[in-house]
Protein backbone atom coordinates (compact mmCIF):
# COMPACT_ATOMS: atom_id res chain seq x y z
CA MET A 1 112.97 -182.49 94.85
CA PRO A 2 111.73 -179.75 96.37
CA VAL A 3 107.95 -179.20 96.58
CA MET A 4 106.17 -176.85 94.36
CA PRO A 5 104.47 -173.79 96.31
CA GLY A 6 101.14 -174.45 96.89
CA ALA A 7 101.28 -178.16 96.80
CA GLU A 8 102.32 -179.11 100.60
CA PRO A 9 100.03 -181.40 102.55
CA PHE A 10 98.03 -179.90 105.00
CA ALA A 11 96.35 -181.21 108.53
CA ALA A 12 94.00 -179.27 111.03
CA ASP A 13 92.77 -180.64 114.45
CA PRO A 14 90.11 -178.54 116.19
CA GLY A 15 91.42 -176.11 118.81
CA ASP A 16 89.15 -177.04 121.36
CA GLY A 17 90.77 -180.62 121.68
CA SER A 18 87.30 -182.17 120.38
CA ARG A 19 88.21 -185.50 118.93
CA GLU A 20 84.31 -186.46 117.34
CA ILE A 21 84.88 -186.35 113.37
CA GLY A 22 88.13 -187.04 111.37
CA VAL A 23 88.27 -186.50 107.30
CA VAL A 24 91.20 -187.45 104.82
CA VAL A 25 90.80 -185.99 101.81
CA SER A 26 92.82 -187.11 98.93
CA HIS A 27 93.61 -185.93 95.64
CA GLY A 28 94.09 -187.07 91.81
CA LEU A 29 96.70 -188.11 89.67
CA THR A 30 99.18 -185.09 88.28
CA GLY A 31 97.24 -183.30 91.15
CA THR A 32 98.55 -181.94 94.14
CA PRO A 33 96.96 -181.37 97.82
CA GLN A 34 96.04 -177.52 96.27
CA SER A 35 92.40 -179.03 94.36
CA VAL A 36 91.39 -180.21 97.97
CA ARG A 37 92.56 -177.84 100.41
CA ALA A 38 89.63 -175.52 100.18
CA TRP A 39 87.39 -178.21 100.68
CA GLY A 40 89.76 -179.46 103.65
CA GLU A 41 89.48 -175.78 105.43
CA HIS A 42 86.03 -175.66 104.97
CA LEU A 43 85.92 -178.82 107.02
CA ALA A 44 88.48 -177.61 109.58
CA ALA A 45 86.47 -174.86 110.04
CA GLN A 46 83.27 -176.83 111.29
CA GLY A 47 85.36 -178.32 114.00
CA ILE A 48 86.61 -181.60 112.10
CA GLY A 49 89.69 -183.00 112.07
CA VAL A 50 91.39 -183.14 108.19
CA ARG A 51 94.40 -184.61 106.63
CA GLY A 52 95.03 -183.69 103.33
CA PRO A 53 98.48 -185.86 101.85
CA ARG A 54 100.12 -185.36 98.89
CA LEU A 55 100.89 -188.56 97.36
CA PRO A 56 103.75 -189.79 96.40
CA GLY A 57 105.55 -188.86 93.23
CA HIS A 58 103.05 -185.80 92.70
CA GLY A 59 103.58 -181.60 93.62
CA THR A 60 107.48 -182.25 92.59
CA ARG A 61 108.22 -182.99 88.93
CA TRP A 62 106.48 -185.68 86.25
CA GLN A 63 109.58 -188.09 86.32
CA ASP A 64 108.89 -188.66 89.98
CA LEU A 65 105.43 -190.05 89.14
CA SER A 66 106.41 -192.14 86.77
CA ARG A 67 108.70 -194.08 89.63
CA THR A 68 105.37 -194.44 91.98
CA ARG A 69 102.70 -196.63 91.62
CA TRP A 70 99.28 -197.18 92.86
CA PRO A 71 100.47 -199.51 96.05
CA ASP A 72 102.42 -195.98 96.50
CA TRP A 73 99.46 -194.11 97.07
CA TYR A 74 97.36 -195.85 98.63
CA ALA A 75 99.79 -196.42 101.28
CA THR A 76 99.76 -192.40 101.93
CA VAL A 77 96.24 -192.22 101.91
CA GLU A 78 95.84 -195.13 104.44
CA ARG A 79 98.62 -194.06 106.73
CA ALA A 80 96.62 -191.31 107.17
CA VAL A 81 93.65 -192.95 108.13
CA ASP A 82 95.37 -194.59 110.94
CA GLU A 83 96.68 -191.67 112.01
CA LEU A 84 93.13 -189.94 112.79
CA ARG A 85 91.67 -193.27 113.85
CA ALA A 86 94.21 -193.37 117.30
CA GLU A 87 92.38 -190.06 117.64
CA TYR A 88 89.17 -189.55 116.48
CA ARG A 89 85.60 -191.60 117.01
CA SER A 90 84.33 -191.38 113.06
CA VAL A 91 86.99 -191.44 110.39
CA PHE A 92 85.84 -190.68 106.62
CA VAL A 93 87.89 -190.64 103.64
CA PHE A 94 87.00 -188.25 100.97
CA GLY A 95 88.17 -188.29 96.95
CA GLN A 96 88.65 -186.19 94.18
CA SER A 97 89.26 -188.33 90.57
CA MET A 98 91.88 -190.96 91.06
CA GLY A 99 91.64 -189.88 95.33
CA GLY A 100 88.14 -191.35 94.84
CA THR A 101 89.50 -194.73 93.24
CA LEU A 102 91.83 -195.05 96.22
CA THR A 103 88.79 -193.53 98.65
CA LEU A 104 87.05 -196.65 97.05
CA ARG A 105 89.73 -199.31 97.78
CA LEU A 106 89.81 -198.22 101.26
CA ALA A 107 86.28 -198.60 101.90
CA GLN A 108 86.25 -201.90 100.54
CA GLU A 109 89.31 -203.50 102.34
CA ARG A 110 89.49 -201.35 105.83
CA GLY A 111 85.22 -202.16 106.35
CA ASP A 112 84.09 -200.65 109.92
CA ASP A 113 87.14 -198.70 110.40
CA ILE A 114 85.77 -196.21 107.62
CA ALA A 115 82.76 -194.20 108.98
CA GLY A 116 81.82 -193.10 105.43
CA ILE A 117 83.28 -192.03 101.84
CA ALA A 118 82.57 -188.82 99.73
CA LEU A 119 83.94 -189.44 95.95
CA VAL A 120 84.33 -186.43 93.61
CA ASN A 121 84.41 -187.25 89.80
CA PRO A 122 85.95 -190.55 90.85
CA SER A 123 87.57 -192.84 88.29
CA VAL A 124 87.42 -196.53 87.68
CA THR A 125 87.30 -196.76 83.57
CA THR A 126 87.35 -194.96 80.45
CA LEU A 127 86.00 -194.88 77.04
CA ARG A 128 89.33 -193.68 75.36
CA ARG A 129 90.20 -196.26 72.83
CA ASP A 130 94.34 -195.52 73.05
CA ALA A 131 94.57 -196.32 76.57
CA ALA A 132 94.03 -199.82 75.95
CA PHE A 133 97.90 -199.41 73.94
CA ALA A 134 99.25 -197.93 77.00
CA PRO A 135 100.39 -201.15 78.62
CA TYR A 136 102.27 -201.67 75.86
CA ILE A 137 103.80 -198.45 74.99
CA GLN A 138 104.80 -197.50 78.33
CA TRP A 139 108.71 -198.36 78.11
CA LEU A 140 108.47 -196.30 74.74
CA VAL A 141 106.48 -193.28 75.51
CA PRO A 142 106.92 -192.00 78.77
CA TRP A 143 104.69 -189.88 79.07
CA VAL A 144 101.25 -187.98 76.97
CA PRO A 145 99.38 -184.73 77.49
CA GLY A 146 98.20 -183.83 81.03
CA VAL A 147 94.73 -183.71 81.93
CA ALA A 148 94.90 -180.77 84.45
CA ASN A 149 92.72 -177.97 84.32
CA ASP A 150 89.16 -179.38 83.38
CA ILE A 151 87.42 -176.19 85.49
CA LYS A 152 84.23 -174.02 84.25
CA LYS A 153 84.75 -171.57 86.66
CA PRO A 154 87.55 -168.62 84.93
CA GLY A 155 90.56 -167.87 86.31
CA VAL A 156 90.88 -170.94 88.50
CA THR A 157 94.17 -172.84 88.01
CA GLU A 158 95.07 -176.44 89.25
CA LEU A 159 98.33 -177.20 90.30
CA ALA A 160 99.28 -179.89 88.74
CA TYR A 161 101.46 -181.44 85.91
CA ASP A 162 101.10 -181.12 82.25
CA ARG A 163 102.37 -184.25 81.82
CA LEU A 164 100.92 -187.83 82.88
CA PRO A 165 103.47 -190.21 82.86
CA THR A 166 102.16 -193.61 81.33
CA ARG A 167 103.55 -196.04 83.83
CA ALA A 168 101.39 -193.99 86.33
CA ALA A 169 98.52 -194.28 84.23
CA VAL A 170 99.05 -197.79 83.66
CA SER A 171 98.93 -198.72 86.90
CA LEU A 172 95.77 -196.40 87.82
CA THR A 173 94.32 -198.75 85.38
CA GLN A 174 95.37 -202.03 87.22
CA LEU A 175 93.61 -199.92 90.81
CA TRP A 176 90.58 -199.57 88.67
CA ARG A 177 90.27 -203.05 87.77
CA LEU A 178 90.50 -204.12 91.56
CA VAL A 179 88.27 -201.76 92.76
CA ARG A 180 85.30 -202.66 90.14
CA ALA A 181 85.48 -205.93 90.53
CA ASP A 182 84.66 -205.18 94.54
CA LEU A 183 82.38 -202.46 94.39
CA ASP A 184 79.45 -204.49 96.20
CA ARG A 185 82.37 -204.86 99.38
CA VAL A 186 81.60 -200.87 99.87
CA ARG A 187 78.71 -201.14 102.52
CA CYS A 188 79.63 -197.74 104.00
CA PRO A 189 77.26 -194.60 103.69
CA VAL A 190 78.55 -192.62 100.16
CA LEU A 191 78.01 -189.16 99.09
CA LEU A 192 78.62 -189.39 95.39
CA PHE A 193 79.00 -185.98 93.30
CA HIS A 194 79.45 -186.08 89.86
CA SER A 195 80.00 -183.59 86.98
CA PRO A 196 77.50 -184.36 83.90
CA SER A 197 80.27 -182.05 82.16
CA ASP A 198 83.39 -183.95 82.98
CA HIS A 199 86.26 -183.96 80.30
CA VAL A 200 88.72 -186.26 82.18
CA VAL A 201 86.48 -189.09 83.35
CA GLU A 202 83.46 -189.57 81.71
CA PRO A 203 80.33 -189.97 83.63
CA LEU A 204 80.15 -193.46 83.11
CA SER A 205 82.67 -194.14 85.63
CA SER A 206 80.26 -192.66 88.49
CA GLU A 207 77.55 -194.98 86.52
CA ILE A 208 79.23 -197.46 87.49
CA VAL A 209 80.02 -196.41 91.18
CA ARG A 210 76.15 -195.76 91.45
CA LEU A 211 74.65 -198.90 90.03
CA GLU A 212 77.58 -201.21 91.90
CA LEU A 213 78.22 -200.16 95.25
CA GLY A 214 76.93 -202.59 97.99
CA THR A 215 75.78 -199.60 100.26
CA HIS A 216 72.37 -198.99 101.53
CA ASP A 217 73.05 -195.24 101.99
CA LEU A 218 73.91 -193.94 98.91
CA THR A 219 73.55 -189.80 98.34
CA ASP A 220 73.84 -188.97 94.20
CA VAL A 221 74.35 -185.39 93.64
CA PRO A 222 75.17 -184.06 90.06
CA LEU A 223 77.06 -180.93 89.67
CA LEU A 224 75.62 -179.39 86.69
CA ASP A 225 77.94 -176.37 86.96
CA SER A 226 80.96 -178.08 86.95
CA HIS A 227 83.61 -179.47 84.76
CA HIS A 228 86.48 -182.34 86.45
CA VAL A 229 88.10 -180.64 89.49
CA ALA A 230 84.60 -179.96 90.85
CA THR A 231 86.13 -178.69 94.10
CA LEU A 232 87.62 -175.76 92.61
CA ASP A 233 84.62 -175.09 90.38
CA ASN A 234 81.46 -173.00 90.77
CA ASP A 235 79.95 -175.96 92.60
CA ALA A 236 82.34 -176.42 95.54
CA PRO A 237 80.28 -174.63 97.97
CA LEU A 238 77.64 -177.47 97.21
CA ILE A 239 80.36 -179.97 98.04
CA PHE A 240 81.28 -178.42 101.19
CA ASP A 241 78.33 -177.91 102.83
CA ASP A 242 76.85 -181.42 101.55
CA SER A 243 79.96 -183.41 102.72
CA VAL A 244 79.92 -181.45 105.97
CA ALA A 245 75.82 -182.49 106.72
CA PHE A 246 76.54 -186.05 105.26
CA VAL A 247 79.67 -186.59 108.28
CA ARG A 248 77.88 -185.15 110.60
CA ARG A 249 74.73 -187.25 110.19
CA VAL A 250 76.82 -190.61 109.93
CA HIS A 251 79.09 -189.85 112.72
CA ALA A 252 75.57 -188.91 115.07
CA ALA A 253 74.10 -192.29 113.56
CA ARG A 254 77.47 -194.40 115.05
CA THR A 255 77.70 -192.79 118.06
CA ALA A 256 74.34 -193.09 119.42
CA GLY A 257 73.22 -195.67 122.02
CA PRO A 258 75.03 -198.49 123.85
CA ALA A 259 77.15 -199.06 120.96
CA ALA A 260 78.99 -196.42 120.77
CA ARG A 261 82.72 -195.79 120.23
CA THR A 262 84.88 -194.05 122.28
CA PRO A 263 88.06 -192.05 120.91
CA GLY A 264 90.79 -194.69 120.47
CA ILE A 265 88.68 -197.79 120.61
CA HIS A 266 87.32 -199.46 117.38
CA ALA A 267 85.17 -202.26 117.13
C-alpha cells in the first residue's frame, strides 16, 4: 500500500564525515515517523547521525498493522541499530510510547551495543480493564478506537491511524510482559521523560520503569505541559535539548581513556 505523505522514514548523517554519535528514533503503535521527525531533525542539526524507521504495518492502512506483531516492529528498529553500529562510535536508541517499549527490549537484549536510551512516555502496562479481554475477542473484534492525537498544544496533529487493530494491541501486551520481567537487565544510561497528564499511557508505566531499571544512571524528567505525544507538544524543546546533552555526556564518558572505541569496532 502507498505510504501516507509525511509518514516516510528519515535518515541523516553529518555532512563533515564525522561518525561519533548515532541515534535510532522509534515512533509508537499506530503512529508514524512524523511524530518523532522533529526530534530526529534536531539531533541531526547538532551533528548526530539519525535513523527514524517506519515500523511495519504503520503509515499505510490499519489493516496492514493488524497483520504484524511486535517481533516485526522490533526487527526493524534492530536493523537500524546495526546499520549505525557499523559506522558510529556510540549508538543510542530513543523511543516514544510503544517505541519506548521496543527501546527497552533492545537495551535488555543488546547490552553494551547500546550506549544509552531515551524514553518518552514508554508503555509497559495498562490499567484499562477491557484490555484483559482483548486476547479472547481479537478474532471477533478487529479494531477498537484509535489512541492518536493526545496533544495539549493547539493546532498540532499526529499522523496516525484512527483505529487500533486488536491483534496488534494484544501483541504489544505480550511484549510488555517480556520487558517488565527483564527491566533489571537495562544497565545502560537512561533518560526518562514522562507526562503526568498522559491520557493514553498511564503514569504507572513510567513509574514501573523508573523503579525497576537496573541502571545506576537514570535521569527522570517530568513533562508538565504535554500530554502523551510529547515530541509534538509544548515540552518538545525540553526533550530535544536534554536528549542532545544526554548523548554527548554519555558518549564522552564511553570514549574517554584507553578503553575508547574506534569506529566499526565494538567490544
